[in-house]
Amino acid sequence: MSHSVGQVAGFAGVTVRTLHHYDEIGLLVPSERNHAGHRRYSGTDLDRLQQILFYRELGFPLDEVQTLLDDPATDPRVHLRRQHDVLLARIERLQKMAEAVEHAMEAQKMGIQLTPEERFEVFGEKDPEQYAEEAEQRWGGTEEYAESQRRAAAYTKDDWKRLQAEVDDWSARYAALVATGEPATGEPAMDLAEEHRLHISQWFYECPYAMHLCLGDMYVADERFKAFYDSMGEGVAQHLRDAIHANAARHSA
């Protein structure tokens, strides 16, 4: 029994555009076509898609996923064992992160003067104190951290709501841009990268291009930042990193 691209998209919780992209790059080429030339996916195709989505959820880039799945010497059971090991390691990291979040929330190190109810109203699930302890450990001695602390302590509930609304608006526009296939080196992407830099400077601390480059690299290298940006859309973290670099280059030219 085979399935249409729309059915498979519904089964897997991905977009039709994603399946078309996987076909175009040779990662998941449907086994069949109907008389009209439309894609039809077999049970074997669905098994492969499941493996692809597992690896993508674990943070593997698509080219590496393809290399892993197309290795003729690799038994399918090896993939499951590898994914199981990575998931167990991630669970352990998440448990440690949860402990750090609880501690940070108790300590209120970001100085945000909001009640717990107001935080949920303003930020939803994205509590700004989540990584406060780590932020202090990484940057606690810097002028940027001190400036961020000073500004955050002075913000009102309305300030935080306005900040979050700007973040949500930018995120939606950037995700839409990536979804259209706009290159990271194009003017629209670079303009949004510049807007990202200016937002940091406006709300937290002065963010020159050299610092923005470091942040962009971190959005890809740090699994948590990568997950945050990729939650907006597939490949957003890497795309933003590349756009930040392109934007810095055009302003230094």
Protein backbone atom coordinates (compact mmCIF):
# COMPACT_ATOMS: atom_id res chain seq x y z
CA MET A 1 0.00 0.00 0.00
CA SER A 2 1.37 3.43 -0.91
CA HIS A 3 0.49 6.90 0.34
CA SER A 4 0.33 10.36 -1.19
CA VAL A 5 2.66 13.15 -0.14
CA GLY A 6 -0.21 14.86 1.68
CA GLN A 7 -1.03 11.73 3.64
CA VAL A 8 2.60 11.21 4.62
CA ALA A 9 2.91 14.82 5.69
CA GLY A 10 -0.09 14.29 7.95
CA PHE A 11 1.28 11.02 9.37
CA ALA A 12 4.72 12.44 10.12
CA GLY A 13 3.78 15.94 11.21
CA VAL A 14 5.93 17.61 8.55
CA THR A 15 5.02 19.89 5.67
CA VAL A 16 4.58 18.85 2.07
CA ARG A 17 7.31 21.32 1.24
CA THR A 18 9.70 19.45 3.54
CA LEU A 19 8.96 16.15 1.78
CA HIS A 20 9.49 17.80 -1.60
CA HIS A 21 12.83 19.14 -0.35
CA TYR A 22 13.91 15.69 0.88
CA ASP A 23 13.05 14.32 -2.57
CA GLU A 24 14.95 17.07 -4.37
CA ILE A 25 18.16 16.47 -2.39
CA GLY A 26 17.88 12.68 -2.68
CA LEU A 27 17.37 12.11 1.03
CA LEU A 28 13.91 10.53 0.66
CA VAL A 29 12.91 9.73 -2.90
CA PRO A 30 9.44 8.13 -3.02
CA SER A 31 9.46 4.64 -4.48
CA GLU A 32 6.48 5.17 -6.76
CA ARG A 33 4.66 7.65 -8.94
CA ASN A 34 1.04 7.38 -9.97
CA HIS A 35 -0.21 7.75 -13.55
CA ALA A 36 -0.27 11.53 -13.11
CA GLY A 37 3.33 11.61 -11.89
CA HIS A 38 2.47 12.35 -8.28
CA ARG A 39 4.68 11.00 -5.51
CA ARG A 40 3.61 7.81 -3.73
CA TYR A 41 5.38 6.58 -0.59
CA SER A 42 5.76 2.90 0.30
CA GLY A 43 6.10 1.34 3.73
CA THR A 44 9.89 1.25 3.23
CA ASP A 45 9.83 4.95 2.43
CA LEU A 46 7.96 5.61 5.68
CA ASP A 47 10.56 3.63 7.63
CA ARG A 48 13.29 5.78 6.12
CA LEU A 49 11.36 8.96 6.89
CA GLN A 50 11.04 7.87 10.51
CA GLN A 51 14.82 7.43 10.70
CA ILE A 52 15.36 10.84 9.10
CA LEU A 53 13.06 12.55 11.60
CA PHE A 54 14.72 10.76 14.51
CA TYR A 55 18.12 12.01 13.42
CA ARG A 56 16.84 15.51 12.73
CA GLU A 57 15.29 15.65 16.20
CA LEU A 58 18.69 14.69 17.60
CA GLY A 59 20.32 17.61 15.78
CA PHE A 60 22.04 15.82 12.89
CA PRO A 61 22.36 17.95 9.71
CA LEU A 62 20.63 16.55 6.62
CA ASP A 63 23.84 15.73 4.74
CA GLU A 64 25.08 13.67 7.68
CA VAL A 65 21.70 11.92 7.98
CA GLN A 66 21.92 10.94 4.33
CA THR A 67 25.45 9.60 4.76
CA LEU A 68 24.39 7.52 7.76
CA LEU A 69 21.28 6.08 6.13
CA ASP A 70 22.93 5.33 2.78
CA ASP A 71 25.88 3.44 4.30
CA PRO A 72 25.35 -0.12 2.98
CA ALA A 73 27.45 -1.56 5.80
CA THR A 74 25.16 -0.21 8.52
CA ASP A 75 22.51 -2.55 9.91
CA PRO A 76 19.18 -0.75 10.59
CA ARG A 77 19.44 -1.88 14.19
CA VAL A 78 22.63 0.14 14.52
CA HIS A 79 20.63 3.30 13.84
CA LEU A 80 18.21 2.48 16.62
CA ARG A 81 20.99 1.76 19.10
CA ARG A 82 22.76 4.99 18.19
CA GLN A 83 19.58 7.02 18.56
CA HIS A 84 18.80 5.33 21.88
CA ASP A 85 22.24 6.22 23.24
CA VAL A 86 21.94 9.84 22.13
CA LEU A 87 18.46 10.13 23.63
CA LEU A 88 19.65 8.80 26.99
CA ALA A 89 22.48 11.33 26.99
CA ARG A 90 20.04 14.11 26.13
CA ILE A 91 17.68 13.06 28.93
CA GLU A 92 20.56 13.31 31.38
CA ARG A 93 21.48 16.79 30.11
CA LEU A 94 17.87 17.92 30.29
CA GLN A 95 17.58 16.74 33.88
CA LYS A 96 20.65 18.80 34.78
CA MET A 97 19.22 21.78 32.92
CA ALA A 98 15.94 21.44 34.79
CA GLU A 99 17.80 21.57 38.09
CA ALA A 100 19.68 24.67 36.93
CA VAL A 101 16.44 26.33 35.83
CA GLU A 102 14.81 25.70 39.19
CA HIS A 103 17.80 27.14 40.98
CA ALA A 104 17.90 30.18 38.69
CA MET A 105 14.21 30.86 39.17
CA GLU A 106 14.58 30.69 42.93
CA ALA A 107 17.57 33.00 42.92
CA GLN A 108 15.91 35.46 40.51
CA LYS A 109 19.31 36.39 39.17
CA MET A 110 18.00 38.27 36.15
CA GLY A 111 16.34 40.84 38.35
CA ILE A 112 13.06 40.71 36.46
CA GLN A 113 10.46 42.30 38.69
CA LEU A 114 7.47 40.19 37.65
CA THR A 115 5.30 37.79 39.58
CA PRO A 116 5.22 34.15 38.39
CA GLU A 117 1.76 34.78 36.93
CA GLU A 118 3.00 37.81 35.01
CA ARG A 119 5.97 35.87 33.64
CA PHE A 120 3.71 33.23 32.16
CA GLU A 121 1.47 35.95 30.76
CA VAL A 122 4.36 37.76 29.11
CA PHE A 123 6.68 34.95 28.07
CA GLY A 124 4.52 31.85 27.94
CA GLU A 125 6.80 28.82 28.12
CA LYS A 126 9.97 30.84 27.42
CA ASP A 127 11.01 31.93 30.90
CA PRO A 128 13.89 34.46 30.54
CA GLU A 129 15.51 33.17 33.73
CA GLN A 130 16.05 29.69 32.36
CA TYR A 131 19.77 30.07 31.77
CA ALA A 132 20.50 32.84 34.25
CA GLU A 133 23.01 30.85 36.28
CA GLU A 134 24.91 29.77 33.18
CA ALA A 135 24.79 33.31 31.79
CA GLU A 136 26.39 34.62 34.96
CA GLN A 137 29.07 31.92 34.84
CA ARG A 138 29.87 32.68 31.19
CA TRP A 139 29.63 36.46 31.14
CA GLY A 140 29.25 37.57 34.75
CA GLY A 141 32.42 39.62 34.69
CA THR A 142 31.75 41.46 31.45
CA GLU A 143 30.43 44.97 30.90
CA GLU A 144 27.72 43.54 28.64
CA TYR A 145 26.40 41.30 31.41
CA ALA A 146 26.37 44.15 33.90
CA GLU A 147 24.54 46.37 31.42
CA SER A 148 22.02 43.63 30.68
CA GLN A 149 21.39 43.16 34.39
CA ARG A 150 20.94 46.90 34.91
CA ARG A 151 18.46 47.26 32.07
CA ALA A 152 16.48 44.11 32.93
CA ALA A 153 16.02 45.19 36.53
CA ALA A 154 14.41 48.42 35.38
CA TYR A 155 11.93 46.94 32.91
CA THR A 156 8.24 46.93 33.74
CA LYS A 157 5.69 44.31 32.77
CA ASP A 158 4.71 46.42 29.75
CA ASP A 159 8.36 46.68 28.72
CA TRP A 160 8.72 42.90 28.76
CA LYS A 161 5.48 42.45 26.84
CA ARG A 162 6.68 44.88 24.18
CA LEU A 163 10.08 43.15 23.99
CA GLN A 164 8.47 39.72 23.61
CA ALA A 165 6.05 40.99 20.97
CA GLU A 166 9.01 42.27 18.95
CA VAL A 167 10.76 38.91 19.30
CA ASP A 168 7.65 37.03 18.18
CA ASP A 169 7.16 39.34 15.20
CA TRP A 170 10.80 39.03 14.10
CA SER A 171 10.73 35.25 14.57
CA ALA A 172 7.65 34.86 12.38
CA ARG A 173 9.13 37.00 9.63
CA TYR A 174 12.49 35.22 9.70
CA ALA A 175 10.91 31.75 9.69
CA ALA A 176 8.74 32.78 6.73
CA LEU A 177 11.80 34.04 4.87
CA VAL A 178 13.66 30.75 5.42
CA ALA A 179 10.61 28.77 4.32
CA THR A 180 10.56 30.59 0.98
CA GLY A 181 14.12 29.48 0.25
CA GLU A 182 15.60 32.97 0.47
CA PRO A 183 19.41 32.64 0.76
CA ALA A 184 21.16 33.76 3.92
CA THR A 185 23.37 36.03 1.81
CA GLY A 186 20.41 37.87 0.29
CA GLU A 187 19.43 41.40 1.25
CA PRO A 188 16.19 40.40 3.05
CA ALA A 189 18.02 37.90 5.28
CA MET A 190 20.86 40.31 6.02
CA ASP A 191 18.37 43.05 6.85
CA LEU A 192 16.64 40.78 9.37
CA ALA A 193 20.01 39.81 10.83
CA GLU A 194 20.77 43.50 11.30
CA GLU A 195 17.38 43.96 12.95
CA HIS A 196 18.28 41.07 15.29
CA ARG A 197 21.55 42.80 16.24
CA LEU A 198 19.86 46.14 16.84
CA HIS A 199 17.19 44.50 19.01
CA ILE A 200 19.90 43.13 21.30
CA SER A 201 21.53 46.57 21.46
CA GLN A 202 18.21 48.25 22.20
CA TRP A 203 17.05 45.95 24.97
CA PHE A 204 20.12 44.37 26.56
CA TYR A 205 23.61 45.67 25.67
CA GLU A 206 25.55 47.18 22.82
CA CYS A 207 26.13 44.41 20.31
CA PRO A 208 28.84 45.30 17.77
CA TYR A 209 29.31 43.10 14.72
CA ALA A 210 32.19 41.12 16.24
CA MET A 211 29.99 40.12 19.17
CA HIS A 212 27.06 39.39 16.86
CA LEU A 213 29.30 36.98 14.92
CA CYS A 214 30.10 35.13 18.15
CA LEU A 215 26.41 34.92 19.01
CA GLY A 216 25.58 33.61 15.54
CA ASP A 217 28.16 30.85 15.86
CA MET A 218 26.77 29.96 19.29
CA TYR A 219 23.26 29.61 17.85
CA VAL A 220 24.57 26.64 15.85
CA ALA A 221 27.22 25.23 18.20
CA ASP A 222 25.10 25.27 21.37
CA GLU A 223 22.39 22.63 21.17
CA ARG A 224 19.90 24.63 23.23
CA PHE A 225 20.16 27.79 21.14
CA LYS A 226 20.02 25.70 17.97
CA ALA A 227 16.88 23.97 19.20
CA PHE A 228 15.30 27.33 20.05
CA TYR A 229 15.86 28.80 16.60
CA ASP A 230 15.11 25.57 14.74
CA SER A 231 11.79 25.39 16.58
CA MET A 232 10.78 28.36 14.40
CA GLY A 233 11.39 26.30 11.26
CA GLU A 234 13.75 23.74 9.84
CA GLY A 235 17.27 25.10 9.34
CA VAL A 236 16.59 28.52 10.87
CA ALA A 237 19.56 28.38 13.28
CA GLN A 238 22.14 27.74 10.55
CA HIS A 239 20.45 30.19 8.20
CA LEU A 240 20.51 32.93 10.82
CA ARG A 241 24.15 32.24 11.62
CA ASP A 242 25.06 32.58 7.95
CA ALA A 243 22.96 35.74 7.57
CA ILE A 244 24.68 37.29 10.60
CA HIS A 245 28.07 36.60 9.01
CA ALA A 246 26.96 37.98 5.64
CA ASN A 247 25.52 41.09 7.32
CA ALA A 248 28.73 41.72 9.28
CA ALA A 249 30.79 41.30 6.11
CA ARG A 250 28.74 43.84 4.13
CA HIS A 251 29.08 46.41 6.93
CA SER A 252 32.84 45.92 7.17
CA ALA A 253 33.36 46.19 3.42
